[in-house]
Amino acid sequence: MVIKINYKNVTSCDEAFFKIKSHITPEYIQKFQVKADVVCDDVKKIVKATGSGFTLTLSFFDTYCDVDLELSLILRALKSKILAKIEDQITKNL
């Protein structure tokens, strides 16, 4: 499932990408009590977080960010709650 989040506080995909990239730190991820490996692709403007049972991909475009979340079978029941929290956090920053 992909969610499209339009930019409100930033004006370009570069600005949005680097703002989100600077916010996603190991300390920030620990707040959610998950372990994840975060990989940022500066050329394609993609942030990908992978952990046990999930993959979160943020793709940045000219006026919006696509949020794609893949969950294991065990976590799928919580998908709407997880996506709502992610959408809220990203909307605050973009």
N, C-alpha and C. Protein backbone atom coordinates (compact mmCIF):
# COMPACT_ATOMS: atom_id res chain seq x y z
N MET A 1 0.85 -1.18 0.00
CA MET A 1 0.00 0.00 0.00
C MET A 1 0.89 1.24 0.00
N VAL A 2 0.57 2.18 -0.86
CA VAL A 2 1.35 3.41 -0.97
C VAL A 2 0.48 4.59 -0.55
N ILE A 3 1.06 5.46 0.28
CA ILE A 3 0.40 6.70 0.68
C ILE A 3 1.16 7.84 0.05
N LYS A 4 0.44 8.80 -0.50
CA LYS A 4 1.04 9.99 -1.10
C LYS A 4 0.86 11.15 -0.13
N ILE A 5 1.99 11.78 0.26
CA ILE A 5 1.94 12.92 1.18
C ILE A 5 2.49 14.15 0.46
N ASN A 6 1.63 15.14 0.27
CA ASN A 6 2.05 16.38 -0.40
C ASN A 6 2.88 17.24 0.55
N TYR A 7 3.83 17.96 -0.01
CA TYR A 7 4.68 18.84 0.79
C TYR A 7 3.90 20.09 1.18
N LYS A 8 4.08 20.52 2.44
CA LYS A 8 3.44 21.74 2.91
C LYS A 8 4.47 22.76 3.36
N ASN A 9 5.57 22.30 3.97
CA ASN A 9 6.57 23.20 4.53
C ASN A 9 7.86 23.24 3.74
N VAL A 10 8.00 22.40 2.72
CA VAL A 10 9.19 22.39 1.88
C VAL A 10 8.78 22.63 0.44
N THR A 11 9.75 23.01 -0.39
CA THR A 11 9.40 23.38 -1.76
C THR A 11 9.97 22.48 -2.84
N SER A 12 10.84 21.53 -2.46
CA SER A 12 11.42 20.66 -3.48
C SER A 12 11.68 19.27 -2.91
N CYS A 13 11.91 18.32 -3.82
CA CYS A 13 12.18 16.96 -3.36
C CYS A 13 13.53 16.89 -2.65
N ASP A 14 14.51 17.69 -3.10
CA ASP A 14 15.81 17.70 -2.44
C ASP A 14 15.69 18.18 -1.00
N GLU A 15 14.97 19.25 -0.80
CA GLU A 15 14.78 19.80 0.55
C GLU A 15 14.05 18.80 1.44
N ALA A 16 13.00 18.16 0.91
CA ALA A 16 12.23 17.18 1.68
C ALA A 16 13.09 15.97 2.02
N PHE A 17 13.83 15.47 1.04
CA PHE A 17 14.68 14.30 1.25
C PHE A 17 15.72 14.56 2.34
N PHE A 18 16.43 15.67 2.26
CA PHE A 18 17.47 15.93 3.23
C PHE A 18 16.91 16.27 4.62
N LYS A 19 15.71 16.83 4.66
CA LYS A 19 15.09 17.10 5.96
C LYS A 19 14.71 15.79 6.65
N ILE A 20 14.08 14.88 5.92
CA ILE A 20 13.71 13.59 6.49
C ILE A 20 14.96 12.77 6.81
N LYS A 21 15.93 12.80 5.93
CA LYS A 21 17.18 12.06 6.15
C LYS A 21 17.86 12.51 7.43
N SER A 22 17.82 13.80 7.73
CA SER A 22 18.46 14.31 8.94
C SER A 22 17.68 13.94 10.20
N HIS A 23 16.37 13.69 10.07
CA HIS A 23 15.55 13.33 11.23
C HIS A 23 15.64 11.85 11.59
N ILE A 24 15.92 11.01 10.59
CA ILE A 24 15.96 9.58 10.85
C ILE A 24 17.35 9.20 11.35
N THR A 25 17.46 9.14 12.65
CA THR A 25 18.71 8.79 13.32
C THR A 25 18.45 7.51 14.13
N PRO A 26 19.51 6.84 14.57
CA PRO A 26 19.30 5.66 15.42
C PRO A 26 18.48 5.98 16.68
N GLU A 27 18.70 7.16 17.25
CA GLU A 27 17.95 7.57 18.43
C GLU A 27 16.46 7.73 18.12
N TYR A 28 16.17 8.30 16.96
CA TYR A 28 14.78 8.50 16.54
C TYR A 28 14.08 7.15 16.34
N ILE A 29 14.77 6.22 15.73
CA ILE A 29 14.19 4.89 15.47
C ILE A 29 13.95 4.16 16.78
N GLN A 30 14.82 4.33 17.77
CA GLN A 30 14.65 3.68 19.07
C GLN A 30 13.38 4.14 19.78
N LYS A 31 12.90 5.34 19.50
CA LYS A 31 11.66 5.83 20.10
C LYS A 31 10.48 4.91 19.78
N PHE A 32 10.54 4.25 18.63
CA PHE A 32 9.46 3.37 18.19
C PHE A 32 9.69 1.92 18.61
N GLN A 33 10.76 1.68 19.35
CA GLN A 33 11.09 0.37 19.89
C GLN A 33 11.19 -0.70 18.81
N VAL A 34 11.85 -0.35 17.71
CA VAL A 34 12.15 -1.32 16.65
C VAL A 34 13.62 -1.19 16.26
N LYS A 35 14.14 -2.26 15.73
CA LYS A 35 15.51 -2.22 15.20
C LYS A 35 15.39 -2.22 13.69
N ALA A 36 16.05 -1.26 13.07
CA ALA A 36 15.96 -1.13 11.62
C ALA A 36 17.28 -0.67 11.04
N ASP A 37 17.56 -1.16 9.85
CA ASP A 37 18.69 -0.68 9.07
C ASP A 37 18.15 0.34 8.09
N VAL A 38 18.71 1.53 8.11
CA VAL A 38 18.24 2.61 7.25
C VAL A 38 19.29 2.88 6.17
N VAL A 39 18.83 2.88 4.92
CA VAL A 39 19.71 3.15 3.78
C VAL A 39 19.11 4.33 3.02
N CYS A 40 19.95 5.33 2.74
CA CYS A 40 19.51 6.51 2.00
C CYS A 40 20.21 6.55 0.65
N ASP A 41 19.44 6.71 -0.42
CA ASP A 41 19.99 6.83 -1.76
C ASP A 41 19.86 8.30 -2.18
N ASP A 42 20.99 9.03 -2.14
CA ASP A 42 20.98 10.46 -2.44
C ASP A 42 20.65 10.76 -3.90
N VAL A 43 20.96 9.84 -4.80
CA VAL A 43 20.70 10.06 -6.22
C VAL A 43 19.22 9.88 -6.56
N LYS A 44 18.64 8.77 -6.08
CA LYS A 44 17.24 8.46 -6.38
C LYS A 44 16.27 9.12 -5.40
N LYS A 45 16.79 9.72 -4.32
CA LYS A 45 15.97 10.37 -3.28
C LYS A 45 15.02 9.36 -2.63
N ILE A 46 15.61 8.26 -2.13
CA ILE A 46 14.85 7.21 -1.48
C ILE A 46 15.46 6.91 -0.12
N VAL A 47 14.61 6.77 0.88
CA VAL A 47 15.02 6.33 2.22
C VAL A 47 14.32 5.00 2.45
N LYS A 48 15.12 3.97 2.78
CA LYS A 48 14.55 2.64 2.99
C LYS A 48 14.98 2.13 4.35
N ALA A 49 13.99 1.76 5.17
CA ALA A 49 14.24 1.19 6.49
C ALA A 49 13.75 -0.25 6.48
N THR A 50 14.63 -1.16 6.89
CA THR A 50 14.30 -2.57 6.90
C THR A 50 14.56 -3.13 8.28
N GLY A 51 13.60 -3.86 8.80
CA GLY A 51 13.73 -4.49 10.11
C GLY A 51 13.05 -5.83 10.11
N SER A 52 12.93 -6.41 11.27
CA SER A 52 12.31 -7.72 11.40
C SER A 52 10.81 -7.61 11.09
N GLY A 53 10.43 -8.12 9.93
CA GLY A 53 9.01 -8.14 9.58
C GLY A 53 8.49 -6.94 8.84
N PHE A 54 9.36 -5.99 8.49
CA PHE A 54 8.85 -4.82 7.76
C PHE A 54 9.92 -4.20 6.85
N THR A 55 9.43 -3.51 5.84
CA THR A 55 10.25 -2.66 4.98
C THR A 55 9.45 -1.40 4.71
N LEU A 56 10.05 -0.26 5.04
CA LEU A 56 9.43 1.04 4.81
C LEU A 56 10.26 1.77 3.77
N THR A 57 9.62 2.23 2.71
CA THR A 57 10.30 2.95 1.65
C THR A 57 9.67 4.32 1.48
N LEU A 58 10.49 5.37 1.58
CA LEU A 58 10.05 6.74 1.33
C LEU A 58 10.70 7.19 0.03
N SER A 59 9.89 7.51 -0.97
CA SER A 59 10.38 7.98 -2.27
C SER A 59 9.95 9.43 -2.44
N PHE A 60 10.90 10.29 -2.73
CA PHE A 60 10.63 11.73 -2.81
C PHE A 60 10.55 12.18 -4.27
N PHE A 61 9.47 12.93 -4.56
CA PHE A 61 9.23 13.47 -5.90
C PHE A 61 9.09 14.98 -5.80
N ASP A 62 8.80 15.65 -6.92
CA ASP A 62 8.79 17.12 -6.96
C ASP A 62 7.87 17.75 -5.93
N THR A 63 6.66 17.24 -5.77
CA THR A 63 5.69 17.89 -4.88
C THR A 63 5.12 16.98 -3.80
N TYR A 64 5.59 15.74 -3.75
CA TYR A 64 5.04 14.79 -2.77
C TYR A 64 6.05 13.69 -2.44
N CYS A 65 5.71 12.95 -1.40
CA CYS A 65 6.49 11.80 -0.95
C CYS A 65 5.58 10.57 -0.97
N ASP A 66 6.06 9.48 -1.55
CA ASP A 66 5.34 8.21 -1.51
C ASP A 66 5.86 7.39 -0.33
N VAL A 67 4.95 6.87 0.45
CA VAL A 67 5.29 6.03 1.60
C VAL A 67 4.76 4.63 1.29
N ASP A 68 5.67 3.66 1.23
CA ASP A 68 5.29 2.28 0.96
C ASP A 68 5.72 1.42 2.14
N LEU A 69 4.80 0.67 2.70
CA LEU A 69 5.08 -0.16 3.86
C LEU A 69 4.70 -1.60 3.56
N GLU A 70 5.70 -2.48 3.68
CA GLU A 70 5.47 -3.91 3.53
C GLU A 70 5.65 -4.54 4.90
N LEU A 71 4.67 -5.33 5.33
CA LEU A 71 4.70 -5.95 6.65
C LEU A 71 4.59 -7.46 6.54
N SER A 72 5.17 -8.15 7.52
CA SER A 72 5.03 -9.59 7.59
C SER A 72 3.58 -9.92 7.94
N LEU A 73 3.23 -11.16 7.79
CA LEU A 73 1.87 -11.60 8.05
C LEU A 73 1.43 -11.29 9.49
N ILE A 74 2.34 -11.41 10.42
CA ILE A 74 2.02 -11.16 11.83
C ILE A 74 1.67 -9.69 12.07
N LEU A 75 2.35 -8.79 11.39
CA LEU A 75 2.15 -7.36 11.63
C LEU A 75 1.04 -6.74 10.78
N ARG A 76 0.53 -7.44 9.80
CA ARG A 76 -0.47 -6.86 8.89
C ARG A 76 -1.72 -6.34 9.59
N ALA A 77 -2.09 -6.94 10.70
CA ALA A 77 -3.28 -6.48 11.42
C ALA A 77 -3.09 -5.06 11.97
N LEU A 78 -1.84 -4.65 12.15
CA LEU A 78 -1.54 -3.32 12.69
C LEU A 78 -1.20 -2.29 11.61
N LYS A 79 -1.34 -2.68 10.36
CA LYS A 79 -0.88 -1.83 9.25
C LYS A 79 -1.51 -0.44 9.26
N SER A 80 -2.81 -0.34 9.48
CA SER A 80 -3.46 0.97 9.43
C SER A 80 -2.96 1.86 10.56
N LYS A 81 -2.73 1.31 11.74
CA LYS A 81 -2.21 2.10 12.86
C LYS A 81 -0.79 2.57 12.58
N ILE A 82 0.03 1.67 12.06
CA ILE A 82 1.42 2.00 11.76
C ILE A 82 1.49 3.06 10.68
N LEU A 83 0.72 2.89 9.61
CA LEU A 83 0.72 3.88 8.53
C LEU A 83 0.22 5.25 9.01
N ALA A 84 -0.77 5.26 9.87
CA ALA A 84 -1.29 6.53 10.39
C ALA A 84 -0.19 7.27 11.18
N LYS A 85 0.56 6.55 11.98
CA LYS A 85 1.64 7.15 12.78
C LYS A 85 2.75 7.67 11.86
N ILE A 86 3.12 6.87 10.86
CA ILE A 86 4.16 7.29 9.91
C ILE A 86 3.71 8.53 9.14
N GLU A 87 2.46 8.51 8.67
CA GLU A 87 1.93 9.64 7.91
C GLU A 87 1.93 10.91 8.77
N ASP A 88 1.54 10.78 10.02
CA ASP A 88 1.53 11.91 10.93
C ASP A 88 2.93 12.50 11.11
N GLN A 89 3.92 11.65 11.33
CA GLN A 89 5.28 12.09 11.55
C GLN A 89 5.86 12.77 10.30
N ILE A 90 5.60 12.21 9.15
CA ILE A 90 6.13 12.78 7.90
C ILE A 90 5.44 14.09 7.57
N THR A 91 4.12 14.14 7.75
CA THR A 91 3.38 15.37 7.47
C THR A 91 3.86 16.53 8.33
N LYS A 92 4.20 16.25 9.59
CA LYS A 92 4.73 17.31 10.47
C LYS A 92 6.02 17.91 9.93
N ASN A 93 6.83 17.10 9.30
CA ASN A 93 8.14 17.55 8.85
C ASN A 93 8.16 18.07 7.41
N LEU A 94 7.21 17.70 6.60
CA LEU A 94 7.22 18.14 5.21
C LEU A 94 6.15 19.17 4.97
